[in-house]
PDB file of N, CA and C in Angstrom:
ATOM      1  N   MET A   1       0.777  -1.241  -0.223  1.00  0.00           N
ATOM      2  CA  MET A   1      -0.008   0.430   0.114  1.00  0.00           C
ATOM      3  C   MET A   1       1.028   1.524   0.330  1.00  0.00           C
ATOM      4  N   ASP A   2       1.840   1.643   1.049  1.00  0.00           N
ATOM      5  CA  ASP A   2       2.846   2.752   0.954  1.00  0.00           C
ATOM      6  C   ASP A   2       3.330   2.834  -1.212  1.00  0.00           C
ATOM      7  N   ASP A   3       3.876   1.649  -2.096  1.00  0.00           N
ATOM      8  CA  ASP A   3       4.145   1.444  -2.744  1.00  0.00           C
ATOM      9  C   ASP A   3       3.134   2.311  -3.723  1.00  0.00           C
ATOM     10  N   TYR A   4       2.004   1.987  -3.622  1.00  0.00           N
ATOM     11  CA  TYR A   4       1.057   1.772  -4.171  1.00  0.00           C
ATOM     12  C   TYR A   4       0.260   3.530  -4.090  1.00  0.00           C
ATOM     13  N   ALA A   5       0.759   4.089  -2.464  1.00  0.00           N
ATOM     14  CA  ALA A   5      -0.006   5.649  -2.459  1.00  0.00           C
ATOM     15  C   ALA A   5       2.096   7.029  -2.885  1.00  0.00           C
ATOM     16  N   LYS A   6       2.670   5.696  -2.579  1.00  0.00           N
ATOM     17  CA  LYS A   6       3.539   6.723  -3.110  1.00  0.00           C
ATOM     18  C   LYS A   6       3.464   7.127  -5.181  1.00  0.00           C
ATOM     19  N   THR A   7       3.453   6.291  -5.778  1.00  0.00           N
ATOM     20  CA  THR A   7       3.160   6.083  -7.003  1.00  0.00           C
ATOM     21  C   THR A   7       1.523   6.740  -7.510  1.00  0.00           C
ATOM     22  N   VAL A   8       1.020   7.170  -6.282  1.00  0.00           N
ATOM     23  CA  VAL A   8      -0.179   8.269  -6.480  1.00  0.00           C
ATOM     24  C   VAL A   8       0.764   9.796  -6.740  1.00  0.00           C
ATOM     25  N   GLN A   9       1.430  10.124  -5.609  1.00  0.00           N
ATOM     26  CA  GLN A   9       1.225  11.435  -5.489  1.00  0.00           C
ATOM     27  C   GLN A   9       2.368  11.681  -6.431  1.00  0.00           C
ATOM     28  N   THR A  10       3.176  10.649  -6.768  1.00  0.00           N
ATOM     29  CA  THR A  10       3.817  10.980  -8.564  1.00  0.00           C
ATOM     30  C   THR A  10       3.775  11.363  -8.942  1.00  0.00           C
ATOM     31  N   ALA A  11       2.471  10.438  -9.203  1.00  0.00           N
ATOM     32  CA  ALA A  11       1.319  11.049 -10.399  1.00  0.00           C
ATOM     33  C   ALA A  11       1.019  12.022 -10.518  1.00  0.00           C
ATOM     34  N   ARG A  12       0.670  12.864  -9.500  1.00  0.00           N
ATOM     35  CA  ARG A  12       0.267  13.559  -9.468  1.00  0.00           C
ATOM     36  C   ARG A  12       0.691  15.636  -9.308  1.00  0.00           C
ATOM     37  N   GLU A  13       1.636  14.583  -8.550  1.00  0.00           N
ATOM     38  CA  GLU A  13       3.210  16.403  -8.507  1.00  0.00           C
ATOM     39  C   GLU A  13       3.264  15.847 -10.340  1.00  0.00           C
ATOM     40  N   VAL A  14       3.689  15.294 -10.853  1.00  0.00           N
ATOM     41  CA  VAL A  14       3.764  15.161 -12.572  1.00  0.00           C
ATOM     42  C   VAL A  14       2.693  15.461 -13.443  1.00  0.00           C
ATOM     43  N   ALA A  15       2.362  15.279 -13.002  1.00  0.00           N
ATOM     44  CA  ALA A  15       0.811  16.066 -13.537  1.00  0.00           C
ATOM     45  C   ALA A  15       0.949  18.040 -13.484  1.00  0.00           C
ATOM     46  N   LYS A  16       1.142  17.881 -12.531  1.00  0.00           N
ATOM     47  CA  LYS A  16       1.323  19.639 -12.184  1.00  0.00           C
ATOM     48  C   LYS A  16       2.720  20.382 -12.348  1.00  0.00           C
ATOM     49  N   ASP A  17       3.662  19.656 -12.632  1.00  0.00           N
ATOM     50  CA  ASP A  17       4.903  19.566 -13.776  1.00  0.00           C
ATOM     51  C   ASP A  17       6.063  19.912 -11.519  1.00  0.00           C
ATOM     52  N   ALA A  18       5.497  19.723 -11.021  1.00  0.00           N
ATOM     53  CA  ALA A  18       6.020  20.186 -10.040  1.00  0.00           C
ATOM     54  C   ALA A  18       7.224  19.061  -9.649  1.00  0.00           C
ATOM     55  N   GLY A  19       8.388  18.784  -9.799  1.00  0.00           N
ATOM     56  CA  GLY A  19       9.444  19.002  -9.891  1.00  0.00           C
ATOM     57  C   GLY A  19      10.428  18.176 -10.439  1.00  0.00           C
ATOM     58  N   MET A  20       9.588  18.794 -11.999  1.00  0.00           N
ATOM     59  CA  MET A  20       9.931  17.463 -13.109  1.00  0.00           C
ATOM     60  C   MET A  20      11.110  18.341 -13.659  1.00  0.00           C
ATOM     61  N   LEU A  21      12.523  18.204 -14.159  1.00  0.00           N
ATOM     62  CA  LEU A  21      14.082  18.847 -13.815  1.00  0.00           C
ATOM     63  C   LEU A  21      14.386  18.276 -14.821  1.00  0.00           C
ATOM     64  N   ASN A  22      14.667  18.717 -16.718  1.00  0.00           N
ATOM     65  CA  ASN A  22      15.829  18.261 -17.749  1.00  0.00           C
ATOM     66  C   ASN A  22      17.325  18.432 -16.238  1.00  0.00           C
ATOM     67  N   PHE A  23      18.026  18.003 -16.853  1.00  0.00           N
ATOM     68  CA  PHE A  23      19.168  17.722 -16.218  1.00  0.00           C
ATOM     69  C   PHE A  23      19.614  16.117 -16.800  1.00  0.00           C
ATOM     70  N   GLY A  24      20.999  16.264 -17.443  1.00  0.00           N
ATOM     71  CA  GLY A  24      22.544  15.491 -17.105  1.00  0.00           C
ATOM     72  C   GLY A  24      23.127  14.901 -16.590  1.00  0.00           C
ATOM     73  N   VAL A  25      23.191  12.940 -17.098  1.00  0.00           N
ATOM     74  CA  VAL A  25      23.659  12.674 -15.971  1.00  0.00           C
ATOM     75  C   VAL A  25      24.671  11.768 -16.360  1.00  0.00           C
ATOM     76  N   VAL A  26      26.430  11.488 -16.848  1.00  0.00           N
ATOM     77  CA  VAL A  26      26.714  10.469 -17.511  1.00  0.00           C
ATOM     78  C   VAL A  26      27.060   9.379 -16.279  1.00  0.00           C
ATOM     79  N   ILE A  27      26.762   8.374 -16.811  1.00  0.00           N
ATOM     80  CA  ILE A  27      26.850   7.016 -15.960  1.00  0.00           C
ATOM     81  C   ILE A  27      28.120   6.157 -16.433  1.00  0.00           C
ATOM     82  N   THR A  28      28.758   5.624 -15.420  1.00  0.00           N
ATOM     83  CA  THR A  28      29.647   4.806 -15.616  1.00  0.00           C
ATOM     84  C   THR A  28      30.603   3.643 -14.562  1.00  0.00           C
ATOM     85  N   ALA A  29      30.275   2.893 -15.849  1.00  0.00           N
ATOM     86  CA  ALA A  29      30.321   1.456 -14.645  1.00  0.00           C
ATOM     87  C   ALA A  29      31.484   0.298 -15.136  1.00  0.00           C
ATOM     88  N   THR A  30      32.218   0.762 -13.577  1.00  0.00           N
ATOM     89  CA  THR A  30      33.768  -0.673 -13.784  1.00  0.00           C
ATOM     90  C   THR A  30      33.110  -2.140 -13.831  1.00  0.00           C
ATOM     91  N   ILE A  31      33.544  -2.515 -15.405  1.00  0.00           N
ATOM     92  CA  ILE A  31      33.162  -4.428 -14.727  1.00  0.00           C
ATOM     93  C   ILE A  31      34.938  -4.643 -15.233  1.00  0.00           C
ATOM     94  N   ARG A  32      35.008  -6.118 -14.278  1.00  0.00           N
ATOM     95  CA  ARG A  32      36.065  -7.490 -13.915  1.00  0.00           C
ATOM     96  C   ARG A  32      36.239  -8.467 -15.495  1.00  0.00           C
ATOM     97  N   ASN A  33      35.555  -8.647 -16.358  1.00  0.00           N
ATOM     98  CA  ASN A  33      35.132  -9.724 -17.198  1.00  0.00           C
ATOM     99  C   ASN A  33      34.603  -8.632 -18.118  1.00  0.00           C
ATOM    100  N   ALA A  34      34.943  -9.044 -19.612  1.00  0.00           N
ATOM    101  CA  ALA A  34      34.551  -8.376 -21.097  1.00  0.00           C
ATOM    102  C   ALA A  34      33.129  -9.595 -20.786  1.00  0.00           C
ATOM    103  N   GLU A  35      32.839 -10.654 -19.907  1.00  0.00           N
ATOM    104  CA  GLU A  35      30.774 -10.676 -20.078  1.00  0.00           C
ATOM    105  C   GLU A  35      30.779 -10.489 -19.916  1.00  0.00           C
ATOM    106  N   ASP A  36      30.754  -9.762 -18.818  1.00  0.00           N
ATOM    107  CA  ASP A  36      29.526  -9.181 -17.576  1.00  0.00           C
ATOM    108  C   ASP A  36      29.502  -7.769 -18.262  1.00  0.00           C
ATOM    109  N   ALA A  37      29.521  -7.346 -19.161  1.00  0.00           N
ATOM    110  CA  ALA A  37      29.256  -5.839 -20.468  1.00  0.00           C
ATOM    111  C   ALA A  37      28.196  -6.131 -20.141  1.00  0.00           C
ATOM    112  N   LEU A  38      27.539  -6.844 -21.052  1.00  0.00           N
ATOM    113  CA  LEU A  38      26.079  -7.463 -21.374  1.00  0.00           C
ATOM    114  C   LEU A  38      25.687  -6.960 -20.570  1.00  0.00           C
ATOM    115  N   ALA A  39      25.539  -7.818 -19.173  1.00  0.00           N
ATOM    116  CA  ALA A  39      24.508  -7.801 -17.953  1.00  0.00           C
ATOM    117  C   ALA A  39      25.117  -6.437 -17.550  1.00  0.00           C
ATOM    118  N   VAL A  40      25.885  -5.438 -17.308  1.00  0.00           N
ATOM    119  CA  VAL A  40      25.907  -4.620 -16.832  1.00  0.00           C
ATOM    120  C   VAL A  40      25.302  -3.699 -17.347  1.00  0.00           C
ATOM    121  N   SER A  41      25.045  -3.564 -18.473  1.00  0.00           N
ATOM    122  CA  SER A  41      24.153  -3.141 -19.581  1.00  0.00           C
ATOM    123  C   SER A  41      22.685  -2.763 -19.543  1.00  0.00           C
ATOM    124  N   TYR A  42      22.747  -3.809 -19.083  1.00  0.00           N
ATOM    125  CA  TYR A  42      20.942  -4.325 -18.677  1.00  0.00           C
ATOM    126  C   TYR A  42      20.398  -3.979 -18.407  1.00  0.00           C
ATOM    127  N   GLY A  43      21.275  -3.556 -16.790  1.00  0.00           N
ATOM    128  CA  GLY A  43      20.415  -3.385 -15.252  1.00  0.00           C
ATOM    129  C   GLY A  43      20.376  -2.198 -14.924  1.00  0.00           C
ATOM    130  N   VAL A  44      21.956  -1.193 -15.793  1.00  0.00           N
ATOM    131  CA  VAL A  44      21.988   0.064 -15.783  1.00  0.00           C
ATOM    132  C   VAL A  44      20.323   0.927 -16.318  1.00  0.00           C
ATOM    133  N   GLU A  45      20.188  -0.219 -17.825  1.00  0.00           N
ATOM    134  CA  GLU A  45      19.272   0.366 -18.574  1.00  0.00           C
ATOM    135  C   GLU A  45      18.252   0.271 -17.133  1.00  0.00           C
ATOM    136  N   ASP A  46      17.761  -0.967 -16.774  1.00  0.00           N
ATOM    137  CA  ASP A  46      16.511  -0.968 -16.270  1.00  0.00           C
ATOM    138  C   ASP A  46      16.805  -0.676 -15.179  1.00  0.00           C
ATOM    139  N   LEU A  47      18.074   0.085 -14.361  1.00  0.00           N
ATOM    140  CA  LEU A  47      17.636   1.088 -12.597  1.00  0.00           C
ATOM    141  C   LEU A  47      17.064   2.231 -13.860  1.00  0.00           C
ATOM    142  N   ALA A  48      17.816   2.537 -14.820  1.00  0.00           N
ATOM    143  CA  ALA A  48      17.047   4.237 -15.448  1.00  0.00           C
ATOM    144  C   ALA A  48      15.725   4.197 -15.922  1.00  0.00           C
ATOM    145  N   ALA A  49      15.379   3.476 -16.501  1.00  0.00           N
ATOM    146  CA  ALA A  49      14.045   3.490 -16.360  1.00  0.00           C
ATOM    147  C   ALA A  49      13.333   3.364 -15.131  1.00  0.00           C
ATOM    148  N   GLU A  50      13.998   2.400 -14.241  1.00  0.00           N
ATOM    149  CA  GLU A  50      12.314   2.926 -13.179  1.00  0.00           C
ATOM    150  C   GLU A  50      12.572   3.747 -13.076  1.00  0.00           C
ATOM    151  N   SER A  51      13.802   4.948 -12.958  1.00  0.00           N
ATOM    152  CA  SER A  51      13.690   5.952 -12.616  1.00  0.00           C
ATOM    153  C   SER A  51      13.360   7.589 -13.514  1.00  0.00           C
ATOM    154  N   GLN A  52      13.159   6.956 -14.047  1.00  0.00           N
ATOM    155  CA  GLN A  52      12.643   7.075 -15.191  1.00  0.00           C
ATOM    156  C   GLN A  52      13.526   8.516 -16.179  1.00  0.00           C
ATOM    157  N   LEU A  53      14.715   8.157 -16.280  1.00  0.00           N
ATOM    158  CA  LEU A  53      16.189   8.431 -16.746  1.00  0.00           C
ATOM    159  C   LEU A  53      15.958   7.988 -18.218  1.00  0.00           C
ATOM    160  N   THR A  54      16.244   8.855 -19.675  1.00  0.00           N
ATOM    161  CA  THR A  54      15.765   8.021 -20.130  1.00  0.00           C
ATOM    162  C   THR A  54      17.992   8.343 -20.482  1.00  0.00           C
ATOM    163  N   VAL A  55      17.777   7.133 -21.032  1.00  0.00           N
ATOM    164  CA  VAL A  55      19.752   6.577 -21.250  1.00  0.00           C
ATOM    165  C   VAL A  55      20.336   6.603 -22.345  1.00  0.00           C
ATOM    166  N   ARG A  56      21.715   7.112 -22.941  1.00  0.00           N
ATOM    167  CA  ARG A  56      22.053   6.663 -24.400  1.00  0.00           C
ATOM    168  C   ARG A  56      23.932   6.071 -24.608  1.00  0.00           C
ATOM    169  N   PRO A  57      23.510   5.168 -24.619  1.00  0.00           N
ATOM    170  CA  PRO A  57      24.764   4.588 -24.728  1.00  0.00           C
ATOM    171  C   PRO A  57      25.895   6.355 -26.026  1.00  0.00           C
ATOM    172  N   ALA A  58      26.934   5.252 -24.963  1.00  0.00           N
ATOM    173  CA  ALA A  58      28.407   6.603 -25.564  1.00  0.00           C
ATOM    174  C   ALA A  58      28.940   5.774 -26.503  1.00  0.00           C
ATOM    175  N   TYR A  59      28.574   5.617 -27.815  1.00  0.00           N
ATOM    176  CA  TYR A  59      28.600   4.546 -28.732  1.00  0.00           C
ATOM    177  C   TYR A  59      30.351   5.213 -29.604  1.00  0.00           C
ATOM    178  N   GLY A  60      31.845   4.690 -29.430  1.00  0.00           N
ATOM    179  CA  GLY A  60      32.618   5.607 -30.192  1.00  0.00           C
ATOM    180  C   GLY A  60      32.852   6.591 -29.444  1.00  0.00           C
ATOM    181  N   ALA A  61      32.564   7.245 -28.104  1.00  0.00           N
ATOM    182  CA  ALA A  61      32.730   8.539 -27.632  1.00  0.00           C
ATOM    183  C   ALA A  61      33.101   8.013 -26.362  1.00  0.00           C
ATOM    184  N   GLN A  62      33.394   6.549 -25.549  1.00  0.00           N
ATOM    185  CA  GLN A  62      33.230   6.274 -25.018  1.00  0.00           C
ATOM    186  C   GLN A  62      34.957   7.085 -23.602  1.00  0.00           C
ATOM    187  N   ASP A  63      35.564   6.987 -23.830  1.00  0.00           N
ATOM    188  CA  ASP A  63      36.450   7.786 -24.078  1.00  0.00           C
ATOM    189  C   ASP A  63      36.426   9.387 -22.718  1.00  0.00           C
ATOM    190  N   THR A  64      35.493  10.265 -24.168  1.00  0.00           N
ATOM    191  CA  THR A  64      34.942  12.050 -24.107  1.00  0.00           C
ATOM    192  C   THR A  64      34.043  11.248 -22.831  1.00  0.00           C
ATOM    193  N   ALA A  65      33.132  10.931 -23.134  1.00  0.00           N
ATOM    194  CA  ALA A  65      31.962  10.182 -21.393  1.00  0.00           C
ATOM    195  C   ALA A  65      32.329  10.084 -20.589  1.00  0.00           C
ATOM    196  N   PHE A  66      33.267   9.158 -20.762  1.00  0.00           N
ATOM    197  CA  PHE A  66      34.217   8.674 -19.020  1.00  0.00           C
ATOM    198  C   PHE A  66      34.900  10.218 -18.243  1.00  0.00           C
ATOM    199  N   ALA A  67      35.950  10.995 -19.347  1.00  0.00           N
ATOM    200  CA  ALA A  67      36.394  12.829 -18.746  1.00  0.00           C
ATOM    201  C   ALA A  67      35.332  12.888 -18.125  1.00  0.00           C
ATOM    202  N   ALA A  68      33.721  13.254 -18.872  1.00  0.00           N
ATOM    203  CA  ALA A  68      33.182  14.073 -18.182  1.00  0.00           C
ATOM    204  C   ALA A  68      32.524  13.371 -16.943  1.00  0.00           C
ATOM    205  N   SER A  69      32.144  12.268 -16.920  1.00  0.00           N
ATOM    206  CA  SER A  69      32.057  11.927 -15.803  1.00  0.00           C
ATOM    207  C   SER A  69      33.201  12.641 -13.997  1.00  0.00           C
ATOM    208  N   LEU A  70      33.752  12.795 -14.575  1.00  0.00           N
ATOM    209  CA  LEU A  70      34.596  12.967 -13.812  1.00  0.00           C
ATOM    210  C   LEU A  70      34.778  13.951 -13.628  1.00  0.00           C
ATOM    211  N   PRO A  71      35.421  14.475 -11.903  1.00  0.00           N
ATOM    212  CA  PRO A  71      34.592  16.080 -11.071  1.00  0.00           C
ATOM    213  C   PRO A  71      35.920  16.619 -11.546  1.00  0.00           C
ATOM    214  N   LEU A  72      35.937  17.271 -12.980  1.00  0.00           N
ATOM    215  CA  LEU A  72      36.680  18.350 -13.281  1.00  0.00           C
ATOM    216  C   LEU A  72      36.274  19.709 -13.512  1.00  0.00           C
ATOM    217  N   GLY A  73      35.453  19.223 -13.932  1.00  0.00           N
ATOM    218  CA  GLY A  73      34.310  21.433 -14.117  1.00  0.00           C
ATOM    219  C   GLY A  73      34.474  21.012 -15.742  1.00  0.00           C
ATOM    220  N   LEU A  74      34.098  19.519 -16.345  1.00  0.00           N
ATOM    221  CA  LEU A  74      34.716  19.965 -18.183  1.00  0.00           C
ATOM    222  C   LEU A  74      32.759  19.672 -18.441  1.00  0.00           C
ATOM    223  N   VAL A  75      33.070  20.928 -18.928  1.00  0.00           N
ATOM    224  CA  VAL A  75      31.096  21.836 -19.781  1.00  0.00           C
ATOM    225  C   VAL A  75      31.864  21.207 -21.187  1.00  0.00           C
ATOM    226  N   LEU A  76      31.411  20.113 -21.875  1.00  0.00           N
ATOM    227  CA  LEU A  76      31.113  19.175 -23.251  1.00  0.00           C
ATOM    228  C   LEU A  76      31.148  20.418 -23.682  1.00  0.00           C
ATOM    229  N   PRO A  77      29.767  20.755 -24.381  1.00  0.00           N
ATOM    230  CA  PRO A  77      29.757  22.014 -24.933  1.00  0.00           C
ATOM    231  C   PRO A  77      30.793  22.441 -25.920  1.00  0.00           C
ATOM    232  N   ASP A  78      31.750  22.759 -24.821  1.00  0.00           N
ATOM    233  CA  ASP A  78      32.858  23.649 -24.854  1.00  0.00           C
ATOM    234  C   ASP A  78      33.803  23.506 -26.316  1.00  0.00           C
ATOM    235  N   TYR A  79      33.418  22.289 -25.698  1.00  0.00           N
ATOM    236  CA  TYR A  79      34.931  20.772 -26.527  1.00  0.00           C
ATOM    237  C   TYR A  79      34.513  20.349 -28.027  1.00  0.00           C
ATOM    238  N   VAL A  80      33.497  20.660 -28.016  1.00  0.00           N
ATOM    239  CA  VAL A  80      33.013  19.879 -29.172  1.00  0.00           C
ATOM    240  C   VAL A  80      33.538  20.811 -30.199  1.00  0.00           C
ATOM    241  N   MET A  81      34.041  19.467 -31.527  1.00  0.00           N
ATOM    242  CA  MET A  81      33.604  20.311 -33.267  1.00  0.00           C
ATOM    243  C   MET A  81      33.288  19.982 -33.906  1.00  0.00           C
ATOM    244  N   VAL A  82      32.738  21.053 -34.954  1.00  0.00           N
ATOM    245  CA  VAL A  82      31.768  20.798 -35.511  1.00  0.00           C
ATOM    246  C   VAL A  82      32.290  20.317 -36.846  1.00  0.00           C
ATOM    247  N   PRO A  83      31.691  20.598 -37.791  1.00  0.00           N
ATOM    248  CA  PRO A  83      32.258  19.719 -38.950  1.00  0.00           C
ATOM    249  C   PRO A  83      32.256  21.012 -39.872  1.00  0.00           C
ATOM    250  N   SER A  84      32.804  21.601 -40.687  1.00  0.00           N
ATOM    251  CA  SER A  84      32.647  22.564 -40.797  1.00  0.00           C
ATOM    252  C   SER A  84      32.016  22.524 -42.208  1.00  0.00           C
ATOM    253  N   LYS A  85      30.979  21.779 -42.812  1.00  0.00           N
ATOM    254  CA  LYS A  85      29.588  21.259 -44.097  1.00  0.00           C
ATOM    255  C   LYS A  85      28.391  21.778 -42.573  1.00  0.00           C
ATOM    256  N   ILE A  86      28.763  21.414 -41.673  1.00  0.00           N
ATOM    257  CA  ILE A  86      27.144  21.128 -41.043  1.00  0.00           C
ATOM    258  C   ILE A  86      27.349  23.120 -40.509  1.00  0.00           C
ATOM    259  N   ARG A  87      28.318  23.626 -40.129  1.00  0.00           N
ATOM    260  CA  ARG A  87      28.372  24.901 -39.734  1.00  0.00           C
ATOM    261  C   ARG A  87      28.028  25.508 -40.667  1.00  0.00           C
ATOM    262  N   GLU A  88      28.038  26.133 -41.821  1.00  0.00           N
ATOM    263  CA  GLU A  88      27.965  26.610 -42.755  1.00  0.00           C
ATOM    264  C   GLU A  88      26.838  26.042 -43.559  1.00  0.00           C
ATOM    265  N   ALA A  89      26.235  25.503 -42.848  1.00  0.00           N
ATOM    266  CA  ALA A  89      24.664  24.897 -43.402  1.00  0.00           C
ATOM    267  C   ALA A  89      23.453  25.974 -42.138  1.00  0.00           C
ATOM    268  N   VAL A  90      23.976  26.040 -41.072  1.00  0.00           N
ATOM    269  CA  VAL A  90      23.563  26.817 -40.063  1.00  0.00           C
ATOM    270  C   VAL A  90      23.183  28.149 -40.801  1.00  0.00           C
TER     271      VAL A  90
END
């Protein structure tokens, strides 16, 4: 019953736009064996879904995502290089 009451309360708050905020989070996971990667990936996706977070894997940009997750104060858009074709099209 307690979980149901919390769910109803959350639904009411979301309907009123209370507490809804857009922000970014970088999730990293350290594994010991490469065989565990798929299981950990599914686990992170499941936990994110429970928390109502949208998760996108950093395919091909793992090093950048890892650097962004460190407490160094990096602001990633300051370091993005946009190809000249795209920059000129805008």
